[in-house]
């Protein structure tokens, strides 16, 4: 009888160890130098999909440029944050790392600029691509700062200037971020990444992510709003444009129809001064405007900035010479169901929408086709 009891206990221990192994995680981290040695580093997680607060999961003292965490995940993979000092009161000039807190072994390394790389667990492989692109963006910004301006940065080995390189990196970032969210959309980690900034995604990407989401996530208030917007009847390609009154740079109300009538081709361009994807697109728009404004092209910039000075400074910074209107109340955004920016709508001389959200060469080719 005693042998049976001992055998049963051993089986129970094996099962317990097996379960712990299945849900356990280990994180080994490192810094590029010893500057942070002796400081306390915290592993935190988002409290829930409905809260912007975080909870401390674990903490460790940094020794010899290294730290580590071990634990058991209670629940599905979620968004983890590593920082020196608890959020939101992190220590100044210290890096912050985001990761997917999930079972498995993960290695995280901070470089001398505070950029990081991830290796090990499955869910973090795609997130690592996002971090690596961000590291390259940070490096390029540093190059521009060291050179004194973006224009002064030398061409790279492929003969590309800094503006072209930055635009390419932003495109890569957009694709990589969508990929990691799509891969994790039915875990808390992916849901949190999606909700953190829906404007990062194109309308088609939003539709795809919504379709892949589970019923519980679709019941979230933000997702219900997205569903409402996706199902709204809005002016589509082949429909006439919808008129709306916005505010010009002098604070006067203006109907967009005032600027559409009499022109052969009009671009409604939804943008915001702080959006990183605007710079490259505005370069294309400025070239188009200079080439075709005497042939019937008008561009109507519709800013969603809620700060007037930010909007006006953005106009000057990007050297926008075309019509500028403010949509700080979201009227045009609502009518045209604009879910992400930048976003363009092309209207012909009959007032009919002929395309939506064309980029760079595709937009230029379409304008040329209309005005030739």
Protein backbone atom coordinates (compact mmCIF):
# COMPACT_ATOMS: atom_id res chain seq x y z
CA UNK A 1 0.00 0.00 0.00
CA UNK A 2 2.89 2.33 0.86
CA UNK A 3 4.51 1.59 -2.54
CA UNK A 4 1.24 2.51 -4.27
CA UNK A 5 1.05 5.79 -2.35
CA UNK A 6 4.66 6.64 -3.25
CA UNK A 7 4.02 5.80 -6.91
CA UNK A 8 0.90 8.00 -6.93
CA UNK A 9 2.88 10.88 -5.40
CA UNK A 10 5.58 10.55 -8.04
CA UNK A 11 2.99 10.61 -10.82
CA UNK A 12 1.43 13.73 -9.28
CA UNK A 13 4.82 15.45 -9.15
CA UNK A 14 5.52 14.57 -12.78
CA UNK A 15 2.13 15.96 -13.83
CA UNK A 16 2.73 19.14 -11.82
CA UNK A 17 6.17 19.66 -13.31
CA UNK A 18 4.76 18.98 -16.79
CA UNK A 19 2.04 21.60 -16.36
CA UNK A 20 4.50 24.16 -15.01
CA UNK A 21 6.82 23.52 -17.95
CA UNK A 22 4.02 24.00 -20.43
CA UNK A 23 3.09 27.47 -19.13
CA UNK A 24 6.47 28.61 -17.77
CA UNK A 25 8.65 31.28 -19.30
CA UNK A 26 12.21 32.44 -18.85
CA UNK A 27 13.65 35.74 -20.01
CA UNK A 28 17.36 36.47 -20.18
CA UNK A 29 18.30 40.05 -20.91
CA UNK A 30 21.46 42.03 -21.52
CA UNK A 31 22.68 45.59 -22.04
CA UNK A 32 25.54 46.82 -24.20
CA UNK A 33 27.47 48.24 -21.22
CA UNK A 34 27.48 48.37 -17.42
CA UNK A 35 25.87 51.81 -17.08
CA UNK A 36 22.67 50.32 -15.67
CA UNK A 37 24.30 47.86 -13.27
CA UNK A 38 22.77 47.98 -9.79
CA UNK A 39 19.44 49.35 -11.01
CA UNK A 40 16.13 47.52 -10.67
CA UNK A 41 14.49 46.41 -13.90
CA UNK A 42 10.80 45.50 -13.98
CA UNK A 43 8.78 43.07 -16.06
CA UNK A 44 5.24 44.43 -16.36
CA UNK A 45 2.08 43.58 -18.26
CA UNK A 46 -1.02 45.41 -19.35
CA UNK A 47 -3.85 44.88 -16.85
CA UNK A 48 -6.58 44.27 -19.43
CA UNK A 49 -7.92 45.23 -22.84
CA UNK A 50 -10.03 47.93 -21.21
CA UNK A 51 -7.37 49.50 -18.97
CA UNK A 52 -4.28 51.52 -19.78
CA UNK A 53 -2.66 50.58 -16.46
CA UNK A 54 0.08 48.01 -15.91
CA UNK A 55 0.99 45.56 -13.18
CA UNK A 56 4.45 44.41 -12.09
CA UNK A 57 5.01 40.73 -12.86
CA UNK A 58 8.59 40.50 -11.58
CA UNK A 59 11.70 42.55 -10.89
CA UNK A 60 15.46 41.95 -10.88
CA UNK A 61 18.73 43.74 -10.16
CA UNK A 62 20.94 44.29 -13.20
CA UNK A 63 24.37 42.70 -12.65
CA UNK A 64 27.25 42.60 -15.10
CA UNK A 65 25.00 44.04 -17.84
CA UNK A 66 22.51 41.16 -17.42
CA UNK A 67 19.17 40.32 -15.81
CA UNK A 68 16.67 37.46 -15.90
CA UNK A 69 13.06 36.61 -15.10
CA UNK A 70 11.31 33.29 -14.65
CA UNK A 71 7.67 32.53 -14.01
CA UNK A 72 4.48 30.80 -15.01
CA UNK A 73 2.00 32.51 -17.31
CA UNK A 74 -1.51 32.63 -15.89
CA UNK A 75 -3.71 33.00 -18.93
CA UNK A 76 -3.08 33.62 -22.62
CA UNK A 77 -0.02 35.44 -24.03
CA UNK A 78 -0.15 39.16 -23.30
CA UNK A 79 1.84 42.31 -23.91
CA UNK A 80 4.89 42.62 -21.65
CA UNK A 81 6.95 45.74 -20.95
CA UNK A 82 10.46 45.85 -19.53
CA UNK A 83 11.70 49.10 -18.01
CA UNK A 84 14.07 50.52 -15.43
CA UNK A 85 11.60 51.97 -12.98
CA UNK A 86 7.91 51.10 -12.94
CA UNK A 87 5.62 52.49 -15.59
CA UNK A 88 4.73 55.24 -16.00
CA UNK A 89 7.57 56.63 -13.82
CA UNK A 90 10.51 55.10 -15.68
CA UNK A 91 13.96 56.52 -15.11
CA UNK A 92 15.05 59.20 -17.58
CA UNK A 93 17.27 58.18 -20.48
CA UNK A 94 16.66 54.47 -19.95
CA UNK A 95 15.34 52.12 -22.65
CA UNK A 96 11.91 50.47 -22.64
CA UNK A 97 11.30 47.11 -24.30
CA UNK A 98 8.03 45.55 -25.41
CA UNK A 99 7.60 41.82 -25.85
CA UNK A 100 4.97 39.13 -25.98
CA UNK A 101 4.85 37.47 -22.58
CA UNK A 102 4.29 33.83 -23.44
CA UNK A 103 5.58 30.37 -22.47
CA UNK A 104 9.08 29.54 -23.66
CA UNK A 105 12.60 30.87 -23.50
CA UNK A 106 13.23 34.42 -24.61
CA UNK A 107 16.42 36.43 -24.95
CA UNK A 108 16.26 40.23 -25.10
CA UNK A 109 19.22 42.50 -25.80
CA UNK A 110 19.42 46.30 -25.61
CA UNK A 111 22.03 47.98 -27.79
CA UNK A 112 23.95 51.16 -27.01
CA UNK A 113 21.16 53.33 -28.49
CA UNK A 114 18.42 51.66 -26.44
CA UNK A 115 17.18 49.62 -29.39
CA UNK A 116 16.40 46.00 -28.73
CA UNK A 117 16.26 42.59 -30.32
CA UNK A 118 14.31 39.48 -29.33
CA UNK A 119 15.10 35.83 -29.87
CA UNK A 120 13.65 32.53 -28.68
CA UNK A 121 9.89 32.28 -28.23
CA UNK A 122 7.65 31.81 -31.27
CA UNK A 123 5.37 34.81 -30.85
CA UNK A 124 8.29 37.21 -30.46
CA UNK A 125 9.96 36.25 -33.75
CA UNK A 126 7.67 38.52 -35.74
CA UNK A 127 7.74 41.26 -33.09
CA UNK A 128 11.54 41.20 -33.35
CA UNK A 129 11.26 42.30 -36.99
CA UNK A 130 9.37 45.39 -35.82
CA UNK A 131 12.07 46.17 -33.28
CA UNK A 132 14.90 45.70 -35.79
CA UNK A 133 13.24 48.08 -38.27
CA UNK A 134 12.70 50.60 -35.48
CA UNK A 135 16.39 50.28 -34.59
CA UNK A 136 17.28 51.15 -38.19
CA UNK A 137 14.91 54.14 -38.12
CA UNK A 138 16.54 55.38 -34.93
CA UNK A 139 19.97 54.94 -36.51
CA UNK A 140 18.92 56.95 -39.57
CA UNK A 141 17.55 59.75 -37.38
CA UNK A 142 20.90 59.81 -35.59
CA UNK A 143 22.71 60.03 -38.93
CA UNK A 144 20.56 63.04 -39.86
CA UNK A 145 21.24 64.67 -36.51
CA UNK A 146 24.99 64.11 -36.82
CA UNK A 147 24.98 65.43 -40.39
CA UNK A 148 23.01 68.54 -39.44
CA UNK A 149 20.01 67.80 -41.68
CA UNK A 150 18.31 65.01 -43.61
CA UNK A 151 19.61 66.41 -46.89
CA UNK A 152 23.20 66.27 -45.64
CA UNK A 153 23.13 62.52 -44.98
CA UNK A 154 25.35 60.77 -47.57
CA UNK A 155 23.81 58.37 -50.08
CA UNK A 156 23.96 54.75 -49.03
CA UNK A 157 25.69 51.97 -50.98
CA UNK A 158 22.60 51.62 -53.19
CA UNK A 159 22.62 55.33 -54.02
CA UNK A 160 19.51 56.13 -51.97
CA UNK A 161 19.13 59.35 -50.01
CA UNK A 162 17.89 59.54 -46.42
CA UNK A 163 14.32 60.50 -47.37
CA UNK A 164 13.97 57.48 -49.66
CA UNK A 165 15.52 55.19 -47.06
CA UNK A 166 13.19 56.49 -44.34
CA UNK A 167 10.12 56.01 -46.53
CA UNK A 168 11.20 52.45 -47.29
CA UNK A 169 11.73 51.73 -43.58
CA UNK A 170 8.30 53.12 -42.74
CA UNK A 171 6.72 50.82 -45.34
CA UNK A 172 8.61 47.86 -43.90
CA UNK A 173 7.50 48.85 -40.40
CA UNK A 174 3.85 49.02 -41.44
CA UNK A 175 4.03 45.56 -43.01
CA UNK A 176 5.90 44.01 -40.08
CA UNK A 177 3.56 45.51 -37.48
CA UNK A 178 0.51 44.20 -39.33
CA UNK A 179 2.14 40.78 -39.57
CA UNK A 180 2.77 40.52 -35.82
CA UNK A 181 -0.75 41.69 -34.94
CA UNK A 182 -2.33 39.32 -37.45
CA UNK A 183 -0.32 36.39 -36.06
CA UNK A 184 -1.46 37.16 -32.52
CA UNK A 185 -4.92 38.63 -33.07
CA UNK A 186 -6.65 35.98 -30.97
CA UNK A 187 -4.38 36.38 -27.95
CA UNK A 188 -4.41 39.29 -25.54
CA UNK A 189 -1.02 40.38 -26.89
CA UNK A 190 -2.26 40.86 -30.46
CA UNK A 191 -5.48 42.52 -29.32
CA UNK A 192 -3.57 45.02 -27.22
CA UNK A 193 -1.19 45.81 -30.08
CA UNK A 194 -4.17 46.36 -32.39
CA UNK A 195 -6.06 48.59 -29.96
CA UNK A 196 -2.95 50.62 -29.10
CA UNK A 197 -3.14 52.47 -32.42
CA UNK A 198 -5.74 51.42 -35.00
CA UNK A 199 -4.64 54.29 -37.26
CA UNK A 200 -1.44 52.35 -38.04
CA UNK A 201 -3.44 50.09 -40.35
CA UNK A 202 -5.03 50.57 -43.75
CA UNK A 203 -8.74 50.01 -44.21
CA UNK A 204 -8.09 46.67 -45.91
CA UNK A 205 -5.84 45.58 -43.05
CA UNK A 206 -8.48 46.59 -40.50
CA UNK A 207 -11.09 44.57 -42.38
CA UNK A 208 -8.81 41.54 -42.39
CA UNK A 209 -7.96 41.81 -38.69
CA UNK A 210 -11.61 42.29 -37.77
CA UNK A 211 -12.60 39.20 -39.77
CA UNK A 212 -9.96 37.12 -37.96
CA UNK A 213 -10.99 38.32 -34.50
CA UNK A 214 -12.96 36.09 -32.13
CA UNK A 215 -16.49 36.93 -30.96
CA UNK A 216 -15.30 38.09 -27.53
CA UNK A 217 -12.93 40.64 -29.04
CA UNK A 218 -15.59 41.82 -31.49
CA UNK A 219 -17.72 42.70 -28.46
CA UNK A 220 -15.06 45.18 -27.27
CA UNK A 221 -16.33 48.81 -27.54
CA UNK A 222 -13.58 49.81 -29.98
CA UNK A 223 -14.24 46.78 -32.18
CA UNK A 224 -17.97 47.48 -32.13
CA UNK A 225 -17.22 51.00 -33.32
CA UNK A 226 -15.00 49.59 -36.07
CA UNK A 227 -17.79 47.22 -37.13
CA UNK A 228 -20.20 50.15 -37.25
CA UNK A 229 -17.80 52.11 -39.43
CA UNK A 230 -17.13 49.16 -41.73
CA UNK A 231 -20.85 48.61 -42.25
CA UNK A 232 -21.74 52.25 -42.85
CA UNK A 233 -23.02 53.37 -46.26
CA UNK A 234 -20.31 55.73 -47.45
CA UNK A 235 -19.41 57.24 -50.82
CA UNK A 236 -17.51 54.55 -52.71
CA UNK A 237 -15.74 54.41 -56.06
CA UNK A 238 -18.34 55.22 -58.71
CA UNK A 239 -20.44 57.37 -56.34
CA UNK A 240 -20.63 61.15 -56.26
CA UNK A 241 -18.60 62.87 -53.53
CA UNK A 242 -20.38 63.92 -50.34
CA UNK A 243 -20.17 67.60 -49.45
CA UNK A 244 -19.09 68.70 -45.98
CA UNK A 245 -18.30 72.02 -44.32
CA UNK A 246 -14.86 72.30 -42.72
CA UNK A 247 -12.70 75.16 -41.45
CA UNK A 248 -9.95 76.87 -43.44
CA UNK A 249 -6.65 78.26 -42.09
CA UNK A 250 -8.40 81.57 -41.27
CA UNK A 251 -11.03 79.83 -39.18
CA UNK A 252 -13.76 80.33 -41.79
CA UNK A 253 -16.24 77.53 -42.71
CA UNK A 254 -15.78 76.26 -46.27
CA UNK A 255 -17.63 73.58 -48.25
CA UNK A 256 -15.32 71.17 -50.04
CA UNK A 257 -17.60 71.50 -53.09
CA UNK A 258 -16.31 75.09 -53.44
CA UNK A 259 -12.88 73.69 -54.31
CA UNK A 260 -14.09 70.70 -56.32
CA UNK A 261 -16.30 72.57 -58.79
CA UNK A 262 -14.49 73.73 -61.92
CA UNK A 263 -11.57 71.35 -61.56
CA UNK A 264 -10.87 68.31 -63.70
CA UNK A 265 -9.30 66.29 -60.92
CA UNK A 266 -9.37 66.72 -57.13
CA UNK A 267 -7.52 64.81 -54.42
CA UNK A 268 -8.98 64.78 -50.92
CA UNK A 269 -5.97 64.09 -48.72
CA UNK A 270 -6.61 63.12 -45.08
CA UNK A 271 -3.51 63.61 -42.97
CA UNK A 272 -2.05 64.63 -39.60
CA UNK A 273 1.15 66.55 -38.89
CA UNK A 274 2.59 63.88 -36.61
CA UNK A 275 1.95 60.89 -38.85
CA UNK A 276 5.30 59.36 -39.97
CA UNK A 277 3.94 58.21 -43.34
CA UNK A 278 2.93 61.70 -44.47
CA UNK A 279 6.38 62.98 -45.44
CA UNK A 280 6.94 60.69 -48.44
CA UNK A 281 3.35 61.05 -49.70
CA UNK A 282 3.44 64.84 -49.48
CA UNK A 283 6.59 64.80 -51.59
CA UNK A 284 4.60 63.01 -54.31
CA UNK A 285 1.60 65.33 -53.90
CA UNK A 286 3.75 68.46 -54.16
CA UNK A 287 5.29 67.20 -57.40
CA UNK A 288 1.85 66.40 -58.80
CA UNK A 289 0.50 69.81 -57.81
CA UNK A 290 3.39 71.68 -59.38
CA UNK A 291 3.04 69.66 -62.59
CA UNK A 292 -0.75 69.74 -63.00
CA UNK A 293 -2.28 72.64 -61.07
CA UNK A 294 -2.53 74.64 -64.31
CA UNK A 295 -4.21 71.69 -66.01
CA UNK A 296 -7.12 71.32 -63.60
CA UNK A 297 -5.69 69.57 -60.53
CA UNK A 298 -6.67 70.64 -57.04
CA UNK A 299 -5.62 69.04 -53.77
CA UNK A 300 -7.65 69.53 -50.61
CA UNK A 301 -5.69 68.71 -47.49
CA UNK A 302 -8.01 67.61 -44.67
CA UNK A 303 -6.17 67.56 -41.36
CA UNK A 304 -7.43 65.60 -38.36
CA UNK A 305 -5.06 67.40 -35.95
CA UNK A 306 -6.95 68.71 -32.93
CA UNK A 307 -4.28 71.32 -32.20
CA UNK A 308 -4.49 74.31 -34.55
CA UNK A 309 -0.82 75.29 -34.18
CA UNK A 310 0.36 71.74 -34.83
CA UNK A 311 -1.75 71.74 -38.00
CA UNK A 312 -0.49 75.11 -39.24
CA UNK A 313 3.13 74.24 -38.44
CA UNK A 314 2.68 70.97 -40.33
CA UNK A 315 1.47 72.85 -43.41
CA UNK A 316 4.56 75.06 -43.33
CA UNK A 317 6.92 72.19 -42.56
CA UNK A 318 5.70 70.10 -45.50
CA UNK A 319 5.55 73.17 -47.79
CA UNK A 320 1.94 72.46 -48.76
CA UNK A 321 0.76 75.06 -51.27
CA UNK A 322 -2.67 73.58 -51.86
CA UNK A 323 -6.03 74.05 -50.11
CA UNK A 324 -5.98 73.25 -46.40
CA UNK A 325 -9.01 72.48 -44.23
CA UNK A 326 -9.32 71.28 -40.65
CA UNK A 327 -11.51 68.34 -39.63
CA UNK A 328 -10.86 68.44 -35.88
CA UNK A 329 -14.48 67.44 -35.23
CA UNK A 330 -14.19 64.40 -37.50
CA UNK A 331 -17.08 65.28 -39.81
CA UNK A 332 -15.34 64.41 -43.07
CA UNK A 333 -13.62 61.42 -41.48
CA UNK A 334 -17.05 60.11 -40.45
CA UNK A 335 -18.74 60.77 -43.80
CA UNK A 336 -15.96 59.10 -45.80
CA UNK A 337 -15.34 56.39 -43.18
CA UNK A 338 -11.62 57.13 -42.97
CA UNK A 339 -10.22 54.52 -40.59
CA UNK A 340 -6.53 55.29 -41.02
CA UNK A 341 -4.31 58.06 -42.30
CA UNK A 342 -2.84 59.18 -44.57
CA UNK A 343 -5.74 58.48 -46.92
CA UNK A 344 -6.56 59.87 -50.36
CA UNK A 345 -9.76 60.05 -52.39
CA UNK A 346 -9.57 60.97 -56.09
CA UNK A 347 -12.53 62.79 -57.68
CA UNK A 348 -13.01 63.52 -61.38
CA UNK A 349 -14.53 66.58 -63.08
CA UNK A 350 -18.04 65.07 -62.79
CA UNK A 351 -17.68 64.88 -59.02
CA UNK A 352 -17.42 61.09 -59.09
CA UNK A 353 -14.98 59.18 -56.90
CA UNK A 354 -12.61 57.25 -59.16
CA UNK A 355 -10.13 55.82 -56.64
CA UNK A 356 -9.30 55.55 -52.95
CA UNK A 357 -6.01 55.37 -51.10
CA UNK A 358 -3.70 55.10 -54.09
CA UNK A 359 -0.03 55.57 -53.20
CA UNK A 360 2.94 57.23 -54.89
CA UNK A 361 3.31 56.07 -58.51
CA UNK A 362 -0.21 54.58 -58.66
CA UNK A 363 -1.70 57.92 -57.61
CA UNK A 364 0.51 59.85 -60.02
CA UNK A 365 -0.42 57.52 -62.90
CA UNK A 366 -4.14 57.91 -62.16
CA UNK A 367 -3.93 61.71 -62.06
CA UNK A 368 -1.98 61.70 -65.33
CA UNK A 369 -4.60 59.43 -66.90
CA UNK A 370 -7.40 61.83 -65.94
CA UNK A 371 -5.59 65.00 -67.01
CA UNK A 372 -3.85 63.81 -70.16
